[in-house]
Amino acid sequence: VCSDKLRRRRVSLARSVATEACRRAVNGRHFVERVRQETGIVLEII
């Protein structure tokens, strides 16, 4: 839904962050890659 909104609003610059759950999870990086492939959003685990 977020990805669709970013495109519809013609967003030119975005930053997408993920926090504690992705920091702690052993499969956090795998999840981030799935998000990139399925939504186009590049999540940054900060």
All heavy atoms as atom14 arrays in JSON, in Angstrom:
{
  "sequence": "VCSDKLRRRRVSLARSVATEACRRAVNGRHFVERVRQETGIVLEII",
  "atom14_mask": [
    [1, 1, 1, 1, 1, 1, 1, 0, 0, 0, 0, 0, 0, 0],
    [1, 1, 1, 1, 1, 1, 0, 0, 0, 0, 0, 0, 0, 0],
    [1, 1, 1, 1, 1, 1, 0, 0, 0, 0, 0, 0, 0, 0],
    [1, 1, 1, 1, 1, 1, 1, 1, 0, 0, 0, 0, 0, 0],
    [1, 1, 1, 1, 1, 1, 1, 1, 1, 0, 0, 0, 0, 0],
    [1, 1, 1, 1, 1, 1, 1, 1, 0, 0, 0, 0, 0, 0],
    [1, 1, 1, 1, 1, 1, 1, 1, 1, 1, 1, 0, 0, 0],
    [1, 1, 1, 1, 1, 1, 1, 1, 1, 1, 1, 0, 0, 0],
    [1, 1, 1, 1, 1, 1, 1, 1, 1, 1, 1, 0, 0, 0],
    [1, 1, 1, 1, 1, 1, 1, 1, 1, 1, 1, 0, 0, 0],
    [1, 1, 1, 1, 1, 1, 1, 0, 0, 0, 0, 0, 0, 0],
    [1, 1, 1, 1, 1, 1, 0, 0, 0, 0, 0, 0, 0, 0],
    [1, 1, 1, 1, 1, 1, 1, 1, 0, 0, 0, 0, 0, 0],
    [1, 1, 1, 1, 1, 0, 0, 0, 0, 0, 0, 0, 0, 0],
    [1, 1, 1, 1, 1, 1, 1, 1, 1, 1, 1, 0, 0, 0],
    [1, 1, 1, 1, 1, 1, 0, 0, 0, 0, 0, 0, 0, 0],
    [1, 1, 1, 1, 1, 1, 1, 0, 0, 0, 0, 0, 0, 0],
    [1, 1, 1, 1, 1, 0, 0, 0, 0, 0, 0, 0, 0, 0],
    [1, 1, 1, 1, 1, 1, 1, 0, 0, 0, 0, 0, 0, 0],
    [1, 1, 1, 1, 1, 1, 1, 1, 1, 0, 0, 0, 0, 0],
    [1, 1, 1, 1, 1, 0, 0, 0, 0, 0, 0, 0, 0, 0],
    [1, 1, 1, 1, 1, 1, 0, 0, 0, 0, 0, 0, 0, 0],
    [1, 1, 1, 1, 1, 1, 1, 1, 1, 1, 1, 0, 0, 0],
    [1, 1, 1, 1, 1, 1, 1, 1, 1, 1, 1, 0, 0, 0],
    [1, 1, 1, 1, 1, 0, 0, 0, 0, 0, 0, 0, 0, 0],
    [1, 1, 1, 1, 1, 1, 1, 0, 0, 0, 0, 0, 0, 0],
    [1, 1, 1, 1, 1, 1, 1, 1, 0, 0, 0, 0, 0, 0],
    [1, 1, 1, 1, 0, 0, 0, 0, 0, 0, 0, 0, 0, 0],
    [1, 1, 1, 1, 1, 1, 1, 1, 1, 1, 1, 0, 0, 0],
    [1, 1, 1, 1, 1, 1, 1, 1, 1, 1, 0, 0, 0, 0],
    [1, 1, 1, 1, 1, 1, 1, 1, 1, 1, 1, 0, 0, 0],
    [1, 1, 1, 1, 1, 1, 1, 0, 0, 0, 0, 0, 0, 0],
    [1, 1, 1, 1, 1, 1, 1, 1, 1, 0, 0, 0, 0, 0],
    [1, 1, 1, 1, 1, 1, 1, 1, 1, 1, 1, 0, 0, 0],
    [1, 1, 1, 1, 1, 1, 1, 0, 0, 0, 0, 0, 0, 0],
    [1, 1, 1, 1, 1, 1, 1, 1, 1, 1, 1, 0, 0, 0],
    [1, 1, 1, 1, 1, 1, 1, 1, 1, 0, 0, 0, 0, 0],
    [1, 1, 1, 1, 1, 1, 1, 1, 1, 0, 0, 0, 0, 0],
    [1, 1, 1, 1, 1, 1, 1, 0, 0, 0, 0, 0, 0, 0],
    [1, 1, 1, 1, 0, 0, 0, 0, 0, 0, 0, 0, 0, 0],
    [1, 1, 1, 1, 1, 1, 1, 1, 0, 0, 0, 0, 0, 0],
    [1, 1, 1, 1, 1, 1, 1, 0, 0, 0, 0, 0, 0, 0],
    [1, 1, 1, 1, 1, 1, 1, 1, 0, 0, 0, 0, 0, 0],
    [1, 1, 1, 1, 1, 1, 1, 1, 1, 0, 0, 0, 0, 0],
    [1, 1, 1, 1, 1, 1, 1, 1, 0, 0, 0, 0, 0, 0],
    [1, 1, 1, 1, 1, 1, 1, 1, 0, 0, 0, 0, 0, 0]
  ],
  "atom14_positions": [
    [[0.84, -1.2, 0.0], [0.0, 0.0, 0.0], [0.88, 1.25, 0.0], [0.64, 2.21, -0.74], [-0.95, 0.01, 1.22], [-1.74, 1.31, 1.27], [-1.89, -1.19, 1.17], [0.0, 0.0, 0.0], [0.0, 0.0, 0.0], [0.0, 0.0, 0.0], [0.0, 0.0, 0.0], [0.0, 0.0, 0.0], [0.0, 0.0, 0.0], [0.0, 0.0, 0.0]],
    [[1.92, 1.23, 0.84], [2.85, 2.37, 0.9], [3.51, 2.61, -0.45], [3.64, 3.75, -0.91], [3.92, 2.12, 1.96], [3.32, 2.04, 3.66], [0.0, 0.0, 0.0], [0.0, 0.0, 0.0], [0.0, 0.0, 0.0], [0.0, 0.0, 0.0], [0.0, 0.0, 0.0], [0.0, 0.0, 0.0], [0.0, 0.0, 0.0], [0.0, 0.0, 0.0]],
    [[3.94, 1.54, -1.1], [4.61, 1.65, -2.39], [3.69, 2.28, -3.43], [4.09, 3.16, -4.2], [5.07, 0.27, -2.85], [5.73, 0.34, -4.1], [0.0, 0.0, 0.0], [0.0, 0.0, 0.0], [0.0, 0.0, 0.0], [0.0, 0.0, 0.0], [0.0, 0.0, 0.0], [0.0, 0.0, 0.0], [0.0, 0.0, 0.0], [0.0, 0.0, 0.0]],
    [[2.42, 1.86, -3.43], [1.45, 2.43, -4.37], [1.26, 3.93, -4.11], [1.18, 4.73, -5.05], [0.11, 1.71, -4.24], [0.15, 0.3, -4.79], [1.08, 0.0, -5.57], [-0.74, -0.5, -4.44], [0.0, 0.0, 0.0], [0.0, 0.0, 0.0], [0.0, 0.0, 0.0], [0.0, 0.0, 0.0], [0.0, 0.0, 0.0], [0.0, 0.0, 0.0]],
    [[1.2, 4.3, -2.85], [1.01, 5.71, -2.51], [2.22, 6.54, -2.93], [2.08, 7.67, -3.42], [0.76, 5.87, -1.0], [-0.64, 5.45, -0.56], [-0.81, 5.63, 0.93], [-2.24, 5.36, 1.35], [-3.19, 6.42, 0.9], [0.0, 0.0, 0.0], [0.0, 0.0, 0.0], [0.0, 0.0, 0.0], [0.0, 0.0, 0.0], [0.0, 0.0, 0.0]],
    [[3.43, 6.01, -2.74], [4.63, 6.74, -3.14], [4.64, 7.0, -4.64], [5.02, 8.08, -5.1], [5.88, 5.96, -2.73], [6.17, 5.86, -1.23], [7.37, 4.94, -0.99], [6.45, 7.23, -0.63], [0.0, 0.0, 0.0], [0.0, 0.0, 0.0], [0.0, 0.0, 0.0], [0.0, 0.0, 0.0], [0.0, 0.0, 0.0], [0.0, 0.0, 0.0]],
    [[4.22, 6.01, -5.41], [4.2, 6.19, -6.85], [3.09, 7.14, -7.29], [3.3, 8.01, -8.14], [4.05, 4.83, -7.55], [5.36, 4.05, -7.64], [5.22, 2.85, -8.57], [4.41, 1.8, -7.96], [4.92, 0.82, -7.22], [6.22, 0.77, -6.98], [4.14, -0.11, -6.71], [0.0, 0.0, 0.0], [0.0, 0.0, 0.0], [0.0, 0.0, 0.0]],
    [[1.92, 6.99, -6.69], [0.8, 7.86, -7.07], [1.09, 9.32, -6.73], [0.66, 10.22, -7.45], [-0.48, 7.41, -6.37], [-1.13, 6.18, -6.98], [-2.62, 6.14, -6.65], [-2.89, 6.31, -5.22], [-2.95, 5.31, -4.35], [-2.74, 4.07, -4.76], [-3.22, 5.54, -3.08], [0.0, 0.0, 0.0], [0.0, 0.0, 0.0], [0.0, 0.0, 0.0]],
    [[1.8, 9.55, -5.63], [2.12, 10.91, -5.21], [3.39, 11.43, -5.88], [3.85, 12.52, -5.58], [2.29, 10.96, -3.69], [1.01, 10.72, -2.92], [0.01, 11.83, -3.14], [-1.21, 11.65, -2.34], [-2.21, 12.51, -2.3], [-2.15, 13.61, -3.04], [-3.27, 12.28, -1.54], [0.0, 0.0, 0.0], [0.0, 0.0, 0.0], [0.0, 0.0, 0.0]],
    [[3.96, 10.62, -6.77], [5.17, 11.01, -7.51], [6.28, 11.46, -6.56], [6.93, 12.5, -6.74], [4.83, 12.12, -8.52], [3.82, 11.7, -9.57], [3.31, 12.87, -10.39], [4.38, 13.48, -11.18], [4.75, 13.08, -12.39], [4.16, 12.03, -12.94], [5.71, 13.71, -13.04], [0.0, 0.0, 0.0], [0.0, 0.0, 0.0], [0.0, 0.0, 0.0]],
    [[6.5, 10.64, -5.55], [7.55, 10.94, -4.58], [8.91, 10.82, -5.24], [9.22, 9.83, -5.9], [7.46, 9.98, -3.37], [8.67, 10.11, -2.47], [6.18, 10.26, -2.59], [0.0, 0.0, 0.0], [0.0, 0.0, 0.0], [0.0, 0.0, 0.0], [0.0, 0.0, 0.0], [0.0, 0.0, 0.0], [0.0, 0.0, 0.0], [0.0, 0.0, 0.0]],
    [[9.72, 11.86, -5.08], [11.02, 11.88, -5.74], [12.14, 11.37, -4.86], [13.17, 10.91, -5.37], [11.34, 13.31, -6.2], [11.21, 14.21, -5.12], [0.0, 0.0, 0.0], [0.0, 0.0, 0.0], [0.0, 0.0, 0.0], [0.0, 0.0, 0.0], [0.0, 0.0, 0.0], [0.0, 0.0, 0.0], [0.0, 0.0, 0.0], [0.0, 0.0, 0.0]],
    [[11.99, 11.45, -3.55], [13.04, 10.99, -2.64], [12.38, 10.43, -1.39], [11.5, 11.06, -0.8], [13.97, 12.15, -2.26], [15.33, 11.76, -1.69], [16.14, 10.99, -2.72], [16.1, 13.0, -1.25], [0.0, 0.0, 0.0], [0.0, 0.0, 0.0], [0.0, 0.0, 0.0], [0.0, 0.0, 0.0], [0.0, 0.0, 0.0], [0.0, 0.0, 0.0]],
    [[12.79, 9.22, -1.01], [12.18, 8.56, 0.14], [13.25, 7.85, 0.95], [14.3, 7.47, 0.44], [11.13, 7.55, -0.34], [0.0, 0.0, 0.0], [0.0, 0.0, 0.0], [0.0, 0.0, 0.0], [0.0, 0.0, 0.0], [0.0, 0.0, 0.0], [0.0, 0.0, 0.0], [0.0, 0.0, 0.0], [0.0, 0.0, 0.0], [0.0, 0.0, 0.0]],
    [[12.93, 7.69, 2.21], [13.76, 6.87, 3.09], [12.83, 5.96, 3.87], [11.85, 6.41, 4.47], [14.58, 7.72, 4.04], [15.61, 6.9, 4.84], [16.38, 7.76, 5.83], [17.41, 6.96, 6.49], [18.03, 7.34, 7.6], [17.76, 8.5, 8.17], [18.95, 6.56, 8.14], [0.0, 0.0, 0.0], [0.0, 0.0, 0.0], [0.0, 0.0, 0.0]],
    [[13.14, 4.67, 3.86], [12.3, 3.66, 4.51], [13.16, 2.92, 5.53], [14.18, 2.34, 5.17], [11.74, 2.68, 3.49], [11.06, 3.37, 2.45], [0.0, 0.0, 0.0], [0.0, 0.0, 0.0], [0.0, 0.0, 0.0], [0.0, 0.0, 0.0], [0.0, 0.0, 0.0], [0.0, 0.0, 0.0], [0.0, 0.0, 0.0], [0.0, 0.0, 0.0]],
    [[12.73, 2.94, 6.81], [13.55, 2.35, 7.85], [12.78, 1.26, 8.57], [11.55, 1.29, 8.69], [14.03, 3.42, 8.86], [14.8, 4.52, 8.15], [12.88, 4.0, 9.68], [0.0, 0.0, 0.0], [0.0, 0.0, 0.0], [0.0, 0.0, 0.0], [0.0, 0.0, 0.0], [0.0, 0.0, 0.0], [0.0, 0.0, 0.0], [0.0, 0.0, 0.0]],
    [[13.53, 0.29, 9.06], [12.99, -0.78, 9.9], [13.77, -0.76, 11.21], [14.96, -0.42, 11.23], [13.13, -2.13, 9.21], [0.0, 0.0, 0.0], [0.0, 0.0, 0.0], [0.0, 0.0, 0.0], [0.0, 0.0, 0.0], [0.0, 0.0, 0.0], [0.0, 0.0, 0.0], [0.0, 0.0, 0.0], [0.0, 0.0, 0.0], [0.0, 0.0, 0.0]],
    [[13.1, -1.14, 12.29], [13.73, -0.97, 13.6], [13.92, -2.3, 14.33], [14.44, -3.24, 13.76], [12.93, 0.05, 14.43], [11.55, -0.38, 14.51], [12.97, 1.42, 13.78], [0.0, 0.0, 0.0], [0.0, 0.0, 0.0], [0.0, 0.0, 0.0], [0.0, 0.0, 0.0], [0.0, 0.0, 0.0], [0.0, 0.0, 0.0], [0.0, 0.0, 0.0]],
    [[13.5, -2.37, 15.58], [13.93, -3.44, 16.48], [13.63, -4.85, 15.99], [14.46, -5.74, 16.12], [13.32, -3.23, 17.87], [13.77, -4.22, 18.94], [15.25, -4.07, 19.31], [15.88, -3.09, 18.87], [15.76, -4.93, 20.05], [0.0, 0.0, 0.0], [0.0, 0.0, 0.0], [0.0, 0.0, 0.0], [0.0, 0.0, 0.0], [0.0, 0.0, 0.0]],
    [[12.44, -5.08, 15.45], [12.1, -6.43, 15.02], [13.1, -6.95, 13.99], [13.58, -8.09, 14.07], [10.67, -6.47, 14.46], [0.0, 0.0, 0.0], [0.0, 0.0, 0.0], [0.0, 0.0, 0.0], [0.0, 0.0, 0.0], [0.0, 0.0, 0.0], [0.0, 0.0, 0.0], [0.0, 0.0, 0.0], [0.0, 0.0, 0.0], [0.0, 0.0, 0.0]],
    [[13.42, -6.11, 12.99], [14.37, -6.53, 11.96], [15.8, -6.59, 12.5], [16.61, -7.38, 12.01], [14.28, -5.6, 10.76], [12.77, -5.82, 9.79], [0.0, 0.0, 0.0], [0.0, 0.0, 0.0], [0.0, 0.0, 0.0], [0.0, 0.0, 0.0], [0.0, 0.0, 0.0], [0.0, 0.0, 0.0], [0.0, 0.0, 0.0], [0.0, 0.0, 0.0]],
    [[16.11, -5.75, 13.49], [17.45, -5.82, 14.09], [17.65, -7.14, 14.81], [18.73, -7.73, 14.78], [17.64, -4.66, 15.08], [17.88, -3.31, 14.46], [18.43, -2.32, 15.46], [17.53, -1.99, 16.54], [16.77, -0.9, 16.6], [16.81, -0.03, 15.6], [15.98, -0.67, 17.63], [0.0, 0.0, 0.0], [0.0, 0.0, 0.0], [0.0, 0.0, 0.0]],
    [[16.63, -7.63, 15.49], [16.76, -8.8, 16.35], [16.55, -10.12, 15.61], [17.1, -11.15, 16.0], [15.77, -8.72, 17.51], [16.06, -7.59, 18.49], [15.02, -7.55, 19.59], [14.94, -8.8, 20.33], [14.01, -9.06, 21.24], [13.07, -8.18, 21.5], [14.01, -10.22, 21.88], [0.0, 0.0, 0.0], [0.0, 0.0, 0.0], [0.0, 0.0, 0.0]],
    [[15.73, -10.11, 14.59], [15.35, -11.36, 13.93], [16.5, -11.94, 13.12], [17.18, -11.22, 12.39], [14.14, -11.13, 13.02], [0.0, 0.0, 0.0], [0.0, 0.0, 0.0], [0.0, 0.0, 0.0], [0.0, 0.0, 0.0], [0.0, 0.0, 0.0], [0.0, 0.0, 0.0], [0.0, 0.0, 0.0], [0.0, 0.0, 0.0], [0.0, 0.0, 0.0]],
    [[16.68, -13.24, 13.22], [17.73, -13.9, 12.44], [17.41, -13.88, 10.95], [18.32, -13.99, 10.12], [17.94, -15.36, 12.92], [18.45, -15.39, 14.35], [16.65, -16.17, 12.79], [0.0, 0.0, 0.0], [0.0, 0.0, 0.0], [0.0, 0.0, 0.0], [0.0, 0.0, 0.0], [0.0, 0.0, 0.0], [0.0, 0.0, 0.0], [0.0, 0.0, 0.0]],
    [[16.15, -13.74, 10.63], [15.75, -13.67, 9.21], [15.37, -12.25, 8.8], [14.66, -12.04, 7.81], [14.6, -14.63, 8.93], [13.36, -14.34, 9.78], [13.43, -13.62, 10.78], [12.23, -14.91, 9.39], [0.0, 0.0, 0.0], [0.0, 0.0, 0.0], [0.0, 0.0, 0.0], [0.0, 0.0, 0.0], [0.0, 0.0, 0.0], [0.0, 0.0, 0.0]],
    [[15.86, -11.26, 9.54], [15.54, -9.88, 9.22], [16.0, -9.48, 7.82], [15.28, -8.8, 7.08], [0.0, 0.0, 0.0], [0.0, 0.0, 0.0], [0.0, 0.0, 0.0], [0.0, 0.0, 0.0], [0.0, 0.0, 0.0], [0.0, 0.0, 0.0], [0.0, 0.0, 0.0], [0.0, 0.0, 0.0], [0.0, 0.0, 0.0], [0.0, 0.0, 0.0]],
    [[17.22, -9.87, 7.46], [17.75, -9.52, 6.12], [16.97, -10.21, 5.02], [16.74, -9.65, 3.95], [19.23, -9.9, 6.04], [20.13, -9.17, 7.02], [20.31, -7.74, 6.63], [21.11, -6.99, 7.59], [21.38, -5.7, 7.5], [20.93, -5.02, 6.46], [22.09, -5.09, 8.43], [0.0, 0.0, 0.0], [0.0, 0.0, 0.0], [0.0, 0.0, 0.0]],
    [[16.57, -11.44, 5.28], [15.75, -12.16, 4.3], [14.43, -11.44, 4.08], [13.96, -11.28, 2.93], [15.5, -13.59, 4.79], [14.43, -14.32, 4.02], [14.66, -14.86, 2.78], [13.13, -14.59, 4.32], [13.54, -15.43, 2.34], [12.6, -15.28, 3.26], [0.0, 0.0, 0.0], [0.0, 0.0, 0.0], [0.0, 0.0, 0.0], [0.0, 0.0, 0.0]],
    [[13.83, -10.97, 5.15], [12.58, -10.23, 5.05], [12.77, -8.95, 4.25], [11.95, -8.6, 3.39], [12.05, -9.91, 6.45], [10.94, -8.9, 6.46], [9.7, -9.2, 5.93], [11.15, -7.64, 6.99], [8.66, -8.26, 5.94], [10.14, -6.69, 7.0], [8.89, -7.01, 6.47], [0.0, 0.0, 0.0], [0.0, 0.0, 0.0], [0.0, 0.0, 0.0]],
    [[13.86, -8.23, 4.51], [14.14, -6.98, 3.79], [14.25, -7.24, 2.28], [13.76, -6.47, 1.46], [15.43, -6.33, 4.32], [15.92, -5.22, 3.39], [15.19, -5.76, 5.72], [0.0, 0.0, 0.0], [0.0, 0.0, 0.0], [0.0, 0.0, 0.0], [0.0, 0.0, 0.0], [0.0, 0.0, 0.0], [0.0, 0.0, 0.0], [0.0, 0.0, 0.0]],
    [[14.9, -8.32, 1.92], [15.04, -8.67, 0.5], [13.69, -9.01, -0.11], [13.39, -8.63, -1.25], [16.01, -9.84, 0.34], [16.21, -10.32, -1.1], [16.71, -9.23, -2.05], [17.3, -8.23, -1.58], [16.49, -9.38, -3.27], [0.0, 0.0, 0.0], [0.0, 0.0, 0.0], [0.0, 0.0, 0.0], [0.0, 0.0, 0.0], [0.0, 0.0, 0.0]],
    [[12.85, -9.73, 0.64], [11.51, -10.04, 0.13], [10.72, -8.76, -0.11], [10.03, -8.63, -1.14], [10.77, -10.94, 1.12], [9.34, -11.24, 0.67], [8.53, -12.05, 1.66], [7.12, -12.02, 1.28], [6.13, -12.54, 1.99], [6.41, -13.19, 3.13], [4.89, -12.46, 1.59], [0.0, 0.0, 0.0], [0.0, 0.0, 0.0], [0.0, 0.0, 0.0]],
    [[10.82, -7.81, 0.8], [10.12, -6.53, 0.64], [10.58, -5.83, -0.63], [9.77, -5.3, -1.39], [10.35, -5.64, 1.88], [9.88, -4.21, 1.61], [9.64, -6.21, 3.09], [0.0, 0.0, 0.0], [0.0, 0.0, 0.0], [0.0, 0.0, 0.0], [0.0, 0.0, 0.0], [0.0, 0.0, 0.0], [0.0, 0.0, 0.0], [0.0, 0.0, 0.0]],
    [[11.9, -5.83, -0.86], [12.44, -5.17, -2.06], [11.89, -5.82, -3.32], [11.49, -5.13, -4.27], [13.96, -5.21, -2.06], [14.6, -4.41, -3.2], [16.08, -4.71, -3.33], [16.31, -6.08, -3.78], [16.19, -6.48, -5.06], [15.83, -5.63, -6.0], [16.43, -7.74, -5.37], [0.0, 0.0, 0.0], [0.0, 0.0, 0.0], [0.0, 0.0, 0.0]],
    [[11.87, -7.15, -3.35], [11.43, -7.84, -4.55], [9.94, -7.66, -4.81], [9.52, -7.54, -5.96], [11.76, -9.34, -4.43], [13.25, -9.65, -4.48], [13.53, -11.14, -4.39], [12.61, -11.96, -4.29], [14.8, -11.51, -4.43], [0.0, 0.0, 0.0], [0.0, 0.0, 0.0], [0.0, 0.0, 0.0], [0.0, 0.0, 0.0], [0.0, 0.0, 0.0]],
    [[9.14, -7.66, -3.75], [7.69, -7.65, -3.94], [7.07, -6.26, -3.96], [5.97, -6.08, -4.51], [7.02, -8.5, -2.84], [7.4, -9.97, -2.91], [6.59, -10.83, -1.95], [5.47, -10.43, -1.57], [7.09, -11.91, -1.57], [0.0, 0.0, 0.0], [0.0, 0.0, 0.0], [0.0, 0.0, 0.0], [0.0, 0.0, 0.0], [0.0, 0.0, 0.0]],
    [[7.74, -5.28, -3.38], [7.16, -3.93, -3.31], [8.02, -2.86, -3.95], [7.55, -1.76, -4.21], [6.88, -3.51, -1.85], [8.13, -3.24, -1.2], [6.12, -4.59, -1.1], [0.0, 0.0, 0.0], [0.0, 0.0, 0.0], [0.0, 0.0, 0.0], [0.0, 0.0, 0.0], [0.0, 0.0, 0.0], [0.0, 0.0, 0.0], [0.0, 0.0, 0.0]],
    [[9.3, -3.14, -4.16], [10.22, -2.13, -4.66], [10.78, -1.22, -3.58], [11.63, -0.37, -3.86], [0.0, 0.0, 0.0], [0.0, 0.0, 0.0], [0.0, 0.0, 0.0], [0.0, 0.0, 0.0], [0.0, 0.0, 0.0], [0.0, 0.0, 0.0], [0.0, 0.0, 0.0], [0.0, 0.0, 0.0], [0.0, 0.0, 0.0], [0.0, 0.0, 0.0]],
    [[10.33, -1.38, -2.34], [10.81, -0.55, -1.24], [12.11, -1.12, -0.68], [12.21, -2.31, -0.38], [9.75, -0.47, -0.12], [8.55, 0.36, -0.6], [10.33, 0.14, 1.16], [7.38, 0.37, 0.36], [0.0, 0.0, 0.0], [0.0, 0.0, 0.0], [0.0, 0.0, 0.0], [0.0, 0.0, 0.0], [0.0, 0.0, 0.0], [0.0, 0.0, 0.0]],
    [[13.11, -0.25, -0.55], [14.4, -0.64, 0.01], [14.41, -0.27, 1.49], [14.58, 0.89, 1.85], [15.56, 0.05, -0.73], [16.9, -0.38, -0.13], [15.51, -0.27, -2.21], [0.0, 0.0, 0.0], [0.0, 0.0, 0.0], [0.0, 0.0, 0.0], [0.0, 0.0, 0.0], [0.0, 0.0, 0.0], [0.0, 0.0, 0.0], [0.0, 0.0, 0.0]],
    [[14.2, -1.25, 2.35], [14.19, -1.01, 3.78], [15.61, -0.94, 4.32], [16.47, -1.77, 3.97], [13.45, -2.13, 4.52], [11.93, -2.09, 4.55], [11.41, -3.36, 5.23], [11.42, -0.86, 5.26], [0.0, 0.0, 0.0], [0.0, 0.0, 0.0], [0.0, 0.0, 0.0], [0.0, 0.0, 0.0], [0.0, 0.0, 0.0], [0.0, 0.0, 0.0]],
    [[15.85, 0.03, 5.17], [17.14, 0.18, 5.83], [16.96, -0.17, 7.31], [16.15, 0.45, 8.0], [17.62, 1.63, 5.69], [18.88, 1.95, 6.47], [19.14, 3.45, 6.5], [18.34, 4.21, 5.9], [20.13, 3.84, 7.14], [0.0, 0.0, 0.0], [0.0, 0.0, 0.0], [0.0, 0.0, 0.0], [0.0, 0.0, 0.0], [0.0, 0.0, 0.0]],
    [[17.66, -1.19, 7.78], [17.6, -1.54, 9.2], [18.53, -0.59, 9.95], [19.75, -0.67, 9.83], [18.02, -3.01, 9.44], [17.13, -3.95, 8.61], [17.93, -3.35, 10.93], [17.53, -5.42, 8.72], [0.0, 0.0, 0.0], [0.0, 0.0, 0.0], [0.0, 0.0, 0.0], [0.0, 0.0, 0.0], [0.0, 0.0, 0.0], [0.0, 0.0, 0.0]],
    [[17.94, 0.34, 10.68], [18.73, 1.38, 11.33], [19.15, 0.97, 12.74], [18.52, 0.12, 13.37], [17.98, 2.73, 11.38], [16.65, 2.59, 12.12], [17.77, 3.26, 9.97], [15.93, 3.91, 12.33], [0.0, 0.0, 0.0], [0.0, 0.0, 0.0], [0.0, 0.0, 0.0], [0.0, 0.0, 0.0], [0.0, 0.0, 0.0], [0.0, 0.0, 0.0]]
  ]
}
